[in-house]
Each structure stands twice: as structure tokens, then as C-alpha cells.
Amino acid sequence: KSFAKKLLDDGYDVLMIREDSDVQLDNIARTVIANNKADCHIAIHFDS
């Protein structure tokens, strides 16, 4: 959310894959939506 806000303020459009605690989109769906509606795709994680 912080990244998205900074991107929007800097002039980028943002495809927010998940903006709540749950979204019913698996990893394939997330990637395919990004493929068709965005110019790049960044998934945010932390290692275990």
C-alpha cells in the first residue's frame, strides 16, 4: 500500500493485486492479470 501510493504520486498507474487481507486470486491468476493489464509485475515477500 505504501509502494502503491508512492507510485501513484510519482505518475505511475498501479494494478493492486491485493488491497485487503484476502483476495481470491491464486498465483497464476495474479500473474496472468498482471501480464494483460500492467507493464511490470512486482510481488512483495519476506523470506522464512
ModelCIF file with pLDDT and N, C-alpha, C, O atoms, coordinates in Angstrom:
data_MODEL
#
_entry.id   MODEL 
#
_entity.id                         1 
_entity.type                       polymer 
_entity.pdbx_number_of_molecules   1 
#
_entity_poly.entity_id                      1 
_entity_poly.type                           'polypeptide(L)' 
_entity_poly.nstd_linkage                   no 
_entity_poly.nstd_monomer                   no 
_entity_poly.pdbx_seq_one_letter_code       KSFAKKLLDDGYDVLMIREDSDVQLDNIARTVIANNKADCHIAIHFDS 
_entity_poly.pdbx_seq_one_letter_code_can   KSFAKKLLDDGYDVLMIREDSDVQLDNIARTVIANNKADCHIAIHFDS 
_entity_poly.pdbx_strand_id                 A 
#
loop_
_entity_poly_seq.entity_id 
_entity_poly_seq.num 
_entity_poly_seq.mon_id 
_entity_poly_seq.hetero 
1 1  LYS n 
1 2  SER n 
1 3  PHE n 
1 4  ALA n 
1 5  LYS n 
1 6  LYS n 
1 7  LEU n 
1 8  LEU n 
1 9  ASP n 
1 10 ASP n 
1 11 GLY n 
1 12 TYR n 
1 13 ASP n 
1 14 VAL n 
1 15 LEU n 
1 16 MET n 
1 17 ILE n 
1 18 ARG n 
1 19 GLU n 
1 20 ASP n 
1 21 SER n 
1 22 ASP n 
1 23 VAL n 
1 24 GLN n 
1 25 LEU n 
1 26 ASP n 
1 27 ASN n 
1 28 ILE n 
1 29 ALA n 
1 30 ARG n 
1 31 THR n 
1 32 VAL n 
1 33 ILE n 
1 34 ALA n 
1 35 ASN n 
1 36 ASN n 
1 37 LYS n 
1 38 ALA n 
1 39 ASP n 
1 40 CYS n 
1 41 HIS n 
1 42 ILE n 
1 43 ALA n 
1 44 ILE n 
1 45 HIS n 
1 46 PHE n 
1 47 ASP n 
1 48 SER n 
#
_struct_asym.id          A 
_struct_asym.entity_id   1 
#
loop_
_ma_qa_metric.id 
_ma_qa_metric.mode 
_ma_qa_metric.name 
_ma_qa_metric.software_group_id 
_ma_qa_metric.type 
1 global pLDDT . pLDDT 
2 local  pLDDT . pLDDT 
#
_ma_qa_metric_global.metric_id      1 
_ma_qa_metric_global.metric_value   97.71 
_ma_qa_metric_global.model_id       1 
_ma_qa_metric_global.ordinal_id     1 
#
loop_
_ma_qa_metric_local.label_asym_id 
_ma_qa_metric_local.label_comp_id 
_ma_qa_metric_local.label_seq_id 
_ma_qa_metric_local.metric_id 
_ma_qa_metric_local.metric_value 
_ma_qa_metric_local.model_id 
_ma_qa_metric_local.ordinal_id 
A LYS 1  2 97.00 1 1  
A SER 2  2 98.00 1 2  
A PHE 3  2 98.00 1 3  
A ALA 4  2 98.00 1 4  
A LYS 5  2 97.00 1 5  
A LYS 6  2 98.00 1 6  
A LEU 7  2 98.00 1 7  
A LEU 8  2 98.00 1 8  
A ASP 9  2 97.00 1 9  
A ASP 10 2 97.00 1 10 
A GLY 11 2 98.00 1 11 
A TYR 12 2 98.00 1 12 
A ASP 13 2 98.00 1 13 
A VAL 14 2 98.00 1 14 
A LEU 15 2 98.00 1 15 
A MET 16 2 98.00 1 16 
A ILE 17 2 98.00 1 17 
A ARG 18 2 97.00 1 18 
A GLU 19 2 95.00 1 19 
A ASP 20 2 96.00 1 20 
A SER 21 2 97.00 1 21 
A ASP 22 2 98.00 1 22 
A VAL 23 2 98.00 1 23 
A GLN 24 2 98.00 1 24 
A LEU 25 2 98.00 1 25 
A ASP 26 2 98.00 1 26 
A ASN 27 2 98.00 1 27 
A ILE 28 2 98.00 1 28 
A ALA 29 2 98.00 1 29 
A ARG 30 2 98.00 1 30 
A THR 31 2 98.00 1 31 
A VAL 32 2 98.00 1 32 
A ILE 33 2 98.00 1 33 
A ALA 34 2 98.00 1 34 
A ASN 35 2 98.00 1 35 
A ASN 36 2 98.00 1 36 
A LYS 37 2 98.00 1 37 
A ALA 38 2 98.00 1 38 
A ASP 39 2 98.00 1 39 
A CYS 40 2 98.00 1 40 
A HIS 41 2 98.00 1 41 
A ILE 42 2 98.00 1 42 
A ALA 43 2 98.00 1 43 
A ILE 44 2 98.00 1 44 
A HIS 45 2 98.00 1 45 
A PHE 46 2 98.00 1 46 
A ASP 47 2 97.00 1 47 
A SER 48 2 96.00 1 48 
#
loop_
_atom_site.group_PDB 
_atom_site.id 
_atom_site.type_symbol 
_atom_site.label_atom_id 
_atom_site.label_alt_id 
_atom_site.label_comp_id 
_atom_site.label_asym_id 
_atom_site.label_entity_id 
_atom_site.label_seq_id 
_atom_site.pdbx_PDB_ins_code 
_atom_site.Cartn_x 
_atom_site.Cartn_y 
_atom_site.Cartn_z 
_atom_site.occupancy 
_atom_site.B_iso_or_equiv 
_atom_site.pdbx_formal_charge 
_atom_site.auth_seq_id 
_atom_site.auth_comp_id 
_atom_site.auth_asym_id 
_atom_site.auth_atom_id 
_atom_site.pdbx_PDB_model_num 
ATOM 1   N N  . LYS A 1 1  ? 0.828  -1.221  0.000   1.00 97.00 ? 1  LYS A N  1 
ATOM 2   C CA . LYS A 1 1  ? 0.000  0.000   0.000   1.00 97.00 ? 1  LYS A CA 1 
ATOM 3   C C  . LYS A 1 1  ? 0.853  1.259   0.000   1.00 97.00 ? 1  LYS A C  1 
ATOM 4   O O  . LYS A 1 1  ? 0.539  2.229   -0.690  1.00 97.00 ? 1  LYS A O  1 
ATOM 5   N N  . SER A 1 2  ? 1.934  1.242   0.776   1.00 98.00 ? 2  SER A N  1 
ATOM 6   C CA . SER A 1 2  ? 2.830  2.394   0.780   1.00 98.00 ? 2  SER A CA 1 
ATOM 7   C C  . SER A 1 2  ? 3.488  2.560   -0.591  1.00 98.00 ? 2  SER A C  1 
ATOM 8   O O  . SER A 1 2  ? 3.577  3.673   -1.108  1.00 98.00 ? 2  SER A O  1 
ATOM 9   N N  . PHE A 1 3  ? 3.941  1.466   -1.172  1.00 98.00 ? 3  PHE A N  1 
ATOM 10  C CA . PHE A 1 3  ? 4.563  1.480   -2.504  1.00 98.00 ? 3  PHE A CA 1 
ATOM 11  C C  . PHE A 1 3  ? 3.583  1.986   -3.548  1.00 98.00 ? 3  PHE A C  1 
ATOM 12  O O  . PHE A 1 3  ? 3.938  2.824   -4.377  1.00 98.00 ? 3  PHE A O  1 
ATOM 13  N N  . ALA A 1 4  ? 2.351  1.485   -3.518  1.00 98.00 ? 4  ALA A N  1 
ATOM 14  C CA . ALA A 1 4  ? 1.338  1.901   -4.490  1.00 98.00 ? 4  ALA A CA 1 
ATOM 15  C C  . ALA A 1 4  ? 1.080  3.401   -4.410  1.00 98.00 ? 4  ALA A C  1 
ATOM 16  O O  . ALA A 1 4  ? 0.986  4.075   -5.436  1.00 98.00 ? 4  ALA A O  1 
ATOM 17  N N  . LYS A 1 5  ? 0.965  3.920   -3.197  1.00 97.00 ? 5  LYS A N  1 
ATOM 18  C CA . LYS A 1 5  ? 0.712  5.358   -3.022  1.00 97.00 ? 5  LYS A CA 1 
ATOM 19  C C  . LYS A 1 5  ? 1.873  6.179   -3.580  1.00 97.00 ? 5  LYS A C  1 
ATOM 20  O O  . LYS A 1 5  ? 1.657  7.199   -4.233  1.00 97.00 ? 5  LYS A O  1 
ATOM 21  N N  . LYS A 1 6  ? 3.086  5.742   -3.327  1.00 98.00 ? 6  LYS A N  1 
ATOM 22  C CA . LYS A 1 6  ? 4.252  6.469   -3.831  1.00 98.00 ? 6  LYS A CA 1 
ATOM 23  C C  . LYS A 1 6  ? 4.313  6.414   -5.361  1.00 98.00 ? 6  LYS A C  1 
ATOM 24  O O  . LYS A 1 6  ? 4.647  7.404   -6.011  1.00 98.00 ? 6  LYS A O  1 
ATOM 25  N N  . LEU A 1 7  ? 3.990  5.255   -5.925  1.00 98.00 ? 7  LEU A N  1 
ATOM 26  C CA . LEU A 1 7  ? 3.957  5.130   -7.382  1.00 98.00 ? 7  LEU A CA 1 
ATOM 27  C C  . LEU A 1 7  ? 2.924  6.075   -7.997  1.00 98.00 ? 7  LEU A C  1 
ATOM 28  O O  . LEU A 1 7  ? 3.220  6.777   -8.964  1.00 98.00 ? 7  LEU A O  1 
ATOM 29  N N  . LEU A 1 8  ? 1.729  6.092   -7.443  1.00 98.00 ? 8  LEU A N  1 
ATOM 30  C CA . LEU A 1 8  ? 0.659  6.949   -7.963  1.00 98.00 ? 8  LEU A CA 1 
ATOM 31  C C  . LEU A 1 8  ? 1.036  8.423   -7.858  1.00 98.00 ? 8  LEU A C  1 
ATOM 32  O O  . LEU A 1 8  ? 0.802  9.190   -8.792  1.00 98.00 ? 8  LEU A O  1 
ATOM 33  N N  . ASP A 1 9  ? 1.614  8.822   -6.734  1.00 97.00 ? 9  ASP A N  1 
ATOM 34  C CA . ASP A 1 9  ? 2.033  10.209  -6.557  1.00 97.00 ? 9  ASP A CA 1 
ATOM 35  C C  . ASP A 1 9  ? 3.144  10.593  -7.524  1.00 97.00 ? 9  ASP A C  1 
ATOM 36  O O  . ASP A 1 9  ? 3.325  11.769  -7.836  1.00 97.00 ? 9  ASP A O  1 
ATOM 37  N N  . ASP A 1 10 ? 3.897  9.581   -8.004  1.00 97.00 ? 10 ASP A N  1 
ATOM 38  C CA . ASP A 1 10 ? 5.006  9.835   -8.922  1.00 97.00 ? 10 ASP A CA 1 
ATOM 39  C C  . ASP A 1 10 ? 4.594  9.702   -10.380 1.00 97.00 ? 10 ASP A C  1 
ATOM 40  O O  . ASP A 1 10 ? 5.427  9.860   -11.273 1.00 97.00 ? 10 ASP A O  1 
ATOM 41  N N  . GLY A 1 11 ? 3.308  9.409   -10.638 1.00 98.00 ? 11 GLY A N  1 
ATOM 42  C CA . GLY A 1 11 ? 2.815  9.400   -12.006 1.00 98.00 ? 11 GLY A CA 1 
ATOM 43  C C  . GLY A 1 11 ? 2.602  8.041   -12.636 1.00 98.00 ? 11 GLY A C  1 
ATOM 44  O O  . GLY A 1 11 ? 2.186  7.961   -13.792 1.00 98.00 ? 11 GLY A O  1 
ATOM 45  N N  . TYR A 1 12 ? 2.880  6.953   -11.900 1.00 98.00 ? 12 TYR A N  1 
ATOM 46  C CA . TYR A 1 12 ? 2.606  5.614   -12.410 1.00 98.00 ? 12 TYR A CA 1 
ATOM 47  C C  . TYR A 1 12 ? 1.157  5.230   -12.109 1.00 98.00 ? 12 TYR A C  1 
ATOM 48  O O  . TYR A 1 12 ? 0.600  5.659   -11.099 1.00 98.00 ? 12 TYR A O  1 
ATOM 49  N N  . ASP A 1 13 ? 0.555  4.435   -12.966 1.00 98.00 ? 13 ASP A N  1 
ATOM 50  C CA . ASP A 1 13 ? -0.695 3.761   -12.629 1.00 98.00 ? 13 ASP A CA 1 
ATOM 51  C C  . ASP A 1 13 ? -0.335 2.469   -11.890 1.00 98.00 ? 13 ASP A C  1 
ATOM 52  O O  . ASP A 1 13 ? 0.760  1.934   -12.066 1.00 98.00 ? 13 ASP A O  1 
ATOM 53  N N  . VAL A 1 14 ? -1.253 1.977   -11.069 1.00 98.00 ? 14 VAL A N  1 
ATOM 54  C CA . VAL A 1 14 ? -0.968 0.812   -10.238 1.00 98.00 ? 14 VAL A CA 1 
ATOM 55  C C  . VAL A 1 14 ? -2.075 -0.218  -10.352 1.00 98.00 ? 14 VAL A C  1 
ATOM 56  O O  . VAL A 1 14 ? -3.248 0.084   -10.131 1.00 98.00 ? 14 VAL A O  1 
ATOM 57  N N  . LEU A 1 15 ? -1.691 -1.439  -10.699 1.00 98.00 ? 15 LEU A N  1 
ATOM 58  C CA . LEU A 1 15 ? -2.605 -2.567  -10.640 1.00 98.00 ? 15 LEU A CA 1 
ATOM 59  C C  . LEU A 1 15 ? -2.385 -3.241  -9.298  1.00 98.00 ? 15 LEU A C  1 
ATOM 60  O O  . LEU A 1 15 ? -1.410 -3.970  -9.112  1.00 98.00 ? 15 LEU A O  1 
ATOM 61  N N  . MET A 1 16 ? -3.293 -2.998  -8.363  1.00 98.00 ? 16 MET A N  1 
ATOM 62  C CA . MET A 1 16 ? -3.164 -3.527  -6.999  1.00 98.00 ? 16 MET A CA 1 
ATOM 63  C C  . MET A 1 16 ? -3.804 -4.912  -6.975  1.00 98.00 ? 16 MET A C  1 
ATOM 64  O O  . MET A 1 16 ? -5.026 -5.046  -7.034  1.00 98.00 ? 16 MET A O  1 
ATOM 65  N N  . ILE A 1 17 ? -2.958 -5.943  -6.888  1.00 98.00 ? 17 ILE A N  1 
ATOM 66  C CA . ILE A 1 17 ? -3.466 -7.305  -6.936  1.00 98.00 ? 17 ILE A CA 1 
ATOM 67  C C  . ILE A 1 17 ? -4.262 -7.650  -5.684  1.00 98.00 ? 17 ILE A C  1 
ATOM 68  O O  . ILE A 1 17 ? -5.304 -8.301  -5.763  1.00 98.00 ? 17 ILE A O  1 
ATOM 69  N N  . ARG A 1 18 ? -3.775 -7.217  -4.544  1.00 97.00 ? 18 ARG A N  1 
ATOM 70  C CA . ARG A 1 18 ? -4.490 -7.457  -3.275  1.00 97.00 ? 18 ARG A CA 1 
ATOM 71  C C  . ARG A 1 18 ? -4.456 -6.182  -2.456  1.00 97.00 ? 18 ARG A C  1 
ATOM 72  O O  . ARG A 1 18 ? -3.380 -5.642  -2.201  1.00 97.00 ? 18 ARG A O  1 
ATOM 73  N N  . GLU A 1 19 ? -5.628 -5.686  -2.033  1.00 95.00 ? 19 GLU A N  1 
ATOM 74  C CA . GLU A 1 19 ? -5.664 -4.481  -1.211  1.00 95.00 ? 19 GLU A CA 1 
ATOM 75  C C  . GLU A 1 19 ? -6.359 -4.720  0.125   1.00 95.00 ? 19 GLU A C  1 
ATOM 76  O O  . GLU A 1 19 ? -6.681 -3.773  0.842   1.00 95.00 ? 19 GLU A O  1 
ATOM 77  N N  . ASP A 1 20 ? -6.589 -5.991  0.454   1.00 96.00 ? 20 ASP A N  1 
ATOM 78  C CA . ASP A 1 20 ? -7.224 -6.351  1.719   1.00 96.00 ? 20 ASP A CA 1 
ATOM 79  C C  . ASP A 1 20 ? -6.565 -7.627  2.226   1.00 96.00 ? 20 ASP A C  1 
ATOM 80  O O  . ASP A 1 20 ? -5.622 -8.130  1.616   1.00 96.00 ? 20 ASP A O  1 
ATOM 81  N N  . SER A 1 21 ? -7.070 -8.156  3.357   1.00 97.00 ? 21 SER A N  1 
ATOM 82  C CA . SER A 1 21 ? -6.459 -9.344  3.947   1.00 97.00 ? 21 SER A CA 1 
ATOM 83  C C  . SER A 1 21 ? -6.653 -10.593 3.096   1.00 97.00 ? 21 SER A C  1 
ATOM 84  O O  . SER A 1 21 ? -5.915 -11.566 3.249   1.00 97.00 ? 21 SER A O  1 
ATOM 85  N N  . ASP A 1 22 ? -7.641 -10.576 2.200   1.00 98.00 ? 22 ASP A N  1 
ATOM 86  C CA . ASP A 1 22 ? -7.901 -11.741 1.358   1.00 98.00 ? 22 ASP A CA 1 
ATOM 87  C C  . ASP A 1 22 ? -8.280 -11.306 -0.048  1.00 98.00 ? 22 ASP A C  1 
ATOM 88  O O  . ASP A 1 22 ? -9.046 -10.362 -0.238  1.00 98.00 ? 22 ASP A O  1 
ATOM 89  N N  . VAL A 1 23 ? -7.730 -12.010 -1.030  1.00 98.00 ? 23 VAL A N  1 
ATOM 90  C CA . VAL A 1 23 ? -8.217 -11.885 -2.400  1.00 98.00 ? 23 VAL A CA 1 
ATOM 91  C C  . VAL A 1 23 ? -8.227 -13.286 -2.998  1.00 98.00 ? 23 VAL A C  1 
ATOM 92  O O  . VAL A 1 23 ? -7.252 -14.030 -2.888  1.00 98.00 ? 23 VAL A O  1 
ATOM 93  N N  . GLN A 1 24 ? -9.331 -13.629 -3.624  1.00 98.00 ? 24 GLN A N  1 
ATOM 94  C CA . GLN A 1 24 ? -9.474 -14.968 -4.186  1.00 98.00 ? 24 GLN A CA 1 
ATOM 95  C C  . GLN A 1 24 ? -8.880 -15.033 -5.596  1.00 98.00 ? 24 GLN A C  1 
ATOM 96  O O  . GLN A 1 24 ? -9.579 -15.217 -6.592  1.00 98.00 ? 24 GLN A O  1 
ATOM 97  N N  . LEU A 1 25 ? -7.557 -14.874 -5.624  1.00 98.00 ? 25 LEU A N  1 
ATOM 98  C CA . LEU A 1 25 ? -6.774 -14.983 -6.857  1.00 98.00 ? 25 LEU A CA 1 
ATOM 99  C C  . LEU A 1 25 ? -5.531 -15.790 -6.534  1.00 98.00 ? 25 LEU A C  1 
ATOM 100 O O  . LEU A 1 25 ? -4.738 -15.391 -5.681  1.00 98.00 ? 25 LEU A O  1 
ATOM 101 N N  . ASP A 1 26 ? -5.350 -16.920 -7.205  1.00 98.00 ? 26 ASP A N  1 
ATOM 102 C CA . ASP A 1 26 ? -4.150 -17.714 -6.960  1.00 98.00 ? 26 ASP A CA 1 
ATOM 103 C C  . ASP A 1 26 ? -2.959 -17.098 -7.686  1.00 98.00 ? 26 ASP A C  1 
ATOM 104 O O  . ASP A 1 26 ? -3.098 -16.097 -8.390  1.00 98.00 ? 26 ASP A O  1 
ATOM 105 N N  . ASN A 1 27 ? -1.784 -17.708 -7.508  1.00 98.00 ? 27 ASN A N  1 
ATOM 106 C CA . ASN A 1 27 ? -0.579 -17.123 -8.082  1.00 98.00 ? 27 ASN A CA 1 
ATOM 107 C C  . ASN A 1 27 ? -0.618 -17.066 -9.606  1.00 98.00 ? 27 ASN A C  1 
ATOM 108 O O  . ASN A 1 27 ? -0.052 -16.152 -10.206 1.00 98.00 ? 27 ASN A O  1 
ATOM 109 N N  . ILE A 1 28 ? -1.283 -18.033 -10.235 1.00 98.00 ? 28 ILE A N  1 
ATOM 110 C CA . ILE A 1 28 ? -1.409 -17.993 -11.694 1.00 98.00 ? 28 ILE A CA 1 
ATOM 111 C C  . ILE A 1 28 ? -2.335 -16.862 -12.110 1.00 98.00 ? 28 ILE A C  1 
ATOM 112 O O  . ILE A 1 28 ? -2.013 -16.101 -13.023 1.00 98.00 ? 28 ILE A O  1 
ATOM 113 N N  . ALA A 1 29 ? -3.484 -16.743 -11.448 1.00 98.00 ? 29 ALA A N  1 
ATOM 114 C CA . ALA A 1 29 ? -4.426 -15.663 -11.775 1.00 98.00 ? 29 ALA A CA 1 
ATOM 115 C C  . ALA A 1 29 ? -3.777 -14.296 -11.585 1.00 98.00 ? 29 ALA A C  1 
ATOM 116 O O  . ALA A 1 29 ? -3.937 -13.410 -12.425 1.00 98.00 ? 29 ALA A O  1 
ATOM 117 N N  . ARG A 1 30 ? -3.049 -14.124 -10.491 1.00 98.00 ? 30 ARG A N  1 
ATOM 118 C CA . ARG A 1 30 ? -2.377 -12.845 -10.234 1.00 98.00 ? 30 ARG A CA 1 
ATOM 119 C C  . ARG A 1 30 ? -1.406 -12.514 -11.369 1.00 98.00 ? 30 ARG A C  1 
ATOM 120 O O  . ARG A 1 30 ? -1.351 -11.383 -11.852 1.00 98.00 ? 30 ARG A O  1 
ATOM 121 N N  . THR A 1 31 ? -0.648 -13.520 -11.778 1.00 98.00 ? 31 THR A N  1 
ATOM 122 C CA . THR A 1 31 ? 0.349  -13.303 -12.817 1.00 98.00 ? 31 THR A CA 1 
ATOM 123 C C  . THR A 1 31 ? -0.292 -13.034 -14.169 1.00 98.00 ? 31 THR A C  1 
ATOM 124 O O  . THR A 1 31 ? 0.166  -12.158 -14.904 1.00 98.00 ? 31 THR A O  1 
ATOM 125 N N  . VAL A 1 32 ? -1.334 -13.766 -14.509 1.00 98.00 ? 32 VAL A N  1 
ATOM 126 C CA . VAL A 1 32 ? -1.984 -13.582 -15.811 1.00 98.00 ? 32 VAL A CA 1 
ATOM 127 C C  . VAL A 1 32 ? -2.683 -12.222 -15.886 1.00 98.00 ? 32 VAL A C  1 
ATOM 128 O O  . VAL A 1 32 ? -2.645 -11.569 -16.928 1.00 98.00 ? 32 VAL A O  1 
ATOM 129 N N  . ILE A 1 33 ? -3.318 -11.793 -14.801 1.00 98.00 ? 33 ILE A N  1 
ATOM 130 C CA . ILE A 1 33 ? -3.917 -10.456 -14.791 1.00 98.00 ? 33 ILE A CA 1 
ATOM 131 C C  . ILE A 1 33 ? -2.835 -9.399  -14.994 1.00 98.00 ? 33 ILE A C  1 
ATOM 132 O O  . ILE A 1 33 ? -3.012 -8.467  -15.779 1.00 98.00 ? 33 ILE A O  1 
ATOM 133 N N  . ALA A 1 34 ? -1.717 -9.543  -14.291 1.00 98.00 ? 34 ALA A N  1 
ATOM 134 C CA . ALA A 1 34 ? -0.610 -8.595  -14.466 1.00 98.00 ? 34 ALA A CA 1 
ATOM 135 C C  . ALA A 1 34 ? -0.102 -8.621  -15.904 1.00 98.00 ? 34 ALA A C  1 
ATOM 136 O O  . ALA A 1 34 ? 0.156  -7.567  -16.486 1.00 98.00 ? 34 ALA A O  1 
ATOM 137 N N  . ASN A 1 35 ? 0.045  -9.814  -16.484 1.00 98.00 ? 35 ASN A N  1 
ATOM 138 C CA . ASN A 1 35 ? 0.516  -9.925  -17.870 1.00 98.00 ? 35 ASN A CA 1 
ATOM 139 C C  . ASN A 1 35 ? -0.319 -9.083  -18.828 1.00 98.00 ? 35 ASN A C  1 
ATOM 140 O O  . ASN A 1 35 ? 0.205  -8.488  -19.770 1.00 98.00 ? 35 ASN A O  1 
ATOM 141 N N  . ASN A 1 36 ? -1.618 -9.043  -18.576 1.00 98.00 ? 36 ASN A N  1 
ATOM 142 C CA . ASN A 1 36 ? -2.547 -8.411  -19.520 1.00 98.00 ? 36 ASN A CA 1 
ATOM 143 C C  . ASN A 1 36 ? -2.909 -6.968  -19.189 1.00 98.00 ? 36 ASN A C  1 
ATOM 144 O O  . ASN A 1 36 ? -3.453 -6.261  -20.037 1.00 98.00 ? 36 ASN A O  1 
ATOM 145 N N  . LYS A 1 37 ? -2.615 -6.518  -17.964 1.00 98.00 ? 37 LYS A N  1 
ATOM 146 C CA . LYS A 1 37 ? -3.059 -5.182  -17.561 1.00 98.00 ? 37 LYS A CA 1 
ATOM 147 C C  . LYS A 1 37 ? -1.955 -4.304  -16.998 1.00 98.00 ? 37 LYS A C  1 
ATOM 148 O O  . LYS A 1 37 ? -2.225 -3.189  -16.549 1.00 98.00 ? 37 LYS A O  1 
ATOM 149 N N  . ALA A 1 38 ? -0.719 -4.781  -17.012 1.00 98.00 ? 38 ALA A N  1 
ATOM 150 C CA . ALA A 1 38 ? 0.382  -3.991  -16.456 1.00 98.00 ? 38 ALA A CA 1 
ATOM 151 C C  . ALA A 1 38 ? 1.608  -4.093  -17.348 1.00 98.00 ? 38 ALA A C  1 
ATOM 152 O O  . ALA A 1 38 ? 1.670  -4.930  -18.249 1.00 98.00 ? 38 ALA A O  1 
ATOM 153 N N  . ASP A 1 39 ? 2.585  -3.226  -17.083 1.00 98.00 ? 39 ASP A N  1 
ATOM 154 C CA . ASP A 1 39 ? 3.841  -3.222  -17.831 1.00 98.00 ? 39 ASP A CA 1 
ATOM 155 C C  . ASP A 1 39 ? 4.944  -3.973  -17.094 1.00 98.00 ? 39 ASP A C  1 
ATOM 156 O O  . ASP A 1 39 ? 5.915  -4.411  -17.712 1.00 98.00 ? 39 ASP A O  1 
ATOM 157 N N  . CYS A 1 40 ? 4.803  -4.125  -15.774 1.00 98.00 ? 40 CYS A N  1 
ATOM 158 C CA . CYS A 1 40 ? 5.722  -4.943  -14.994 1.00 98.00 ? 40 CYS A CA 1 
ATOM 159 C C  . CYS A 1 40 ? 4.980  -5.437  -13.759 1.00 98.00 ? 40 CYS A C  1 
ATOM 160 O O  . CYS A 1 40 ? 3.918  -4.919  -13.412 1.00 98.00 ? 40 CYS A O  1 
ATOM 161 N N  . HIS A 1 41 ? 5.549  -6.445  -13.097 1.00 98.00 ? 41 HIS A N  1 
ATOM 162 C CA . HIS A 1 41 ? 4.872  -7.139  -12.004 1.00 98.00 ? 41 HIS A CA 1 
ATOM 163 C C  . HIS A 1 41 ? 5.872  -7.344  -10.869 1.00 98.00 ? 41 HIS A C  1 
ATOM 164 O O  . HIS A 1 41 ? 6.909  -7.982  -11.046 1.00 98.00 ? 41 HIS A O  1 
ATOM 165 N N  . ILE A 1 42 ? 5.541  -6.788  -9.694  1.00 98.00 ? 42 ILE A N  1 
ATOM 166 C CA . ILE A 1 42 ? 6.414  -6.922  -8.526  1.00 98.00 ? 42 ILE A CA 1 
ATOM 167 C C  . ILE A 1 42 ? 5.627  -7.563  -7.391  1.00 98.00 ? 42 ILE A C  1 
ATOM 168 O O  . ILE A 1 42 ? 4.649  -6.995  -6.905  1.00 98.00 ? 42 ILE A O  1 
ATOM 169 N N  . ALA A 1 43 ? 6.058  -8.750  -6.970  1.00 98.00 ? 43 ALA A N  1 
ATOM 170 C CA . ALA A 1 43 ? 5.449  -9.435  -5.838  1.00 98.00 ? 43 ALA A CA 1 
ATOM 171 C C  . ALA A 1 43 ? 6.298  -9.189  -4.604  1.00 98.00 ? 43 ALA A C  1 
ATOM 172 O O  . ALA A 1 43 ? 7.518  -9.343  -4.646  1.00 98.00 ? 43 ALA A O  1 
ATOM 173 N N  . ILE A 1 44 ? 5.658  -8.808  -3.505  1.00 98.00 ? 44 ILE A N  1 
ATOM 174 C CA . ILE A 1 44 ? 6.351  -8.420  -2.275  1.00 98.00 ? 44 ILE A CA 1 
ATOM 175 C C  . ILE A 1 44 ? 6.263  -9.554  -1.258  1.00 98.00 ? 44 ILE A C  1 
ATOM 176 O O  . ILE A 1 44 ? 5.180  -10.046 -0.944  1.00 98.00 ? 44 ILE A O  1 
ATOM 177 N N  . HIS A 1 45 ? 7.437  -9.959  -0.748  1.00 98.00 ? 45 HIS A N  1 
ATOM 178 C CA . HIS A 1 45 ? 7.535  -11.061 0.204   1.00 98.00 ? 45 HIS A CA 1 
ATOM 179 C C  . HIS A 1 45 ? 8.642  -10.812 1.217   1.00 98.00 ? 45 HIS A C  1 
ATOM 180 O O  . HIS A 1 45 ? 9.442  -9.888  1.068   1.00 98.00 ? 45 HIS A O  1 
ATOM 181 N N  . PHE A 1 46 ? 8.677  -11.658 2.257   1.00 98.00 ? 46 PHE A N  1 
ATOM 182 C CA . PHE A 1 46 ? 9.801  -11.782 3.171   1.00 98.00 ? 46 PHE A CA 1 
ATOM 183 C C  . PHE A 1 46 ? 10.138 -13.269 3.274   1.00 98.00 ? 46 PHE A C  1 
ATOM 184 O O  . PHE A 1 46 ? 9.248  -14.117 3.211   1.00 98.00 ? 46 PHE A O  1 
ATOM 185 N N  . ASP A 1 47 ? 11.426 -13.582 3.434   1.00 97.00 ? 47 ASP A N  1 
ATOM 186 C CA . ASP A 1 47 ? 11.891 -14.964 3.492   1.00 97.00 ? 47 ASP A CA 1 
ATOM 187 C C  . ASP A 1 47 ? 11.590 -15.577 4.872   1.00 97.00 ? 47 ASP A C  1 
ATOM 188 O O  . ASP A 1 47 ? 11.318 -14.858 5.834   1.00 97.00 ? 47 ASP A O  1 
ATOM 189 N N  . SER A 1 48 ? 11.644 -16.908 4.950   1.00 96.00 ? 48 SER A N  1 
ATOM 190 C CA . SER A 1 48 ? 11.316 -17.608 6.190   1.00 96.00 ? 48 SER A CA 1 
ATOM 191 C C  . SER A 1 48 ? 12.530 -17.871 7.075   1.00 96.00 ? 48 SER A C  1 
ATOM 192 O O  . SER A 1 48 ? 12.396 -18.453 8.151   1.00 96.00 ? 48 SER A O  1 
#
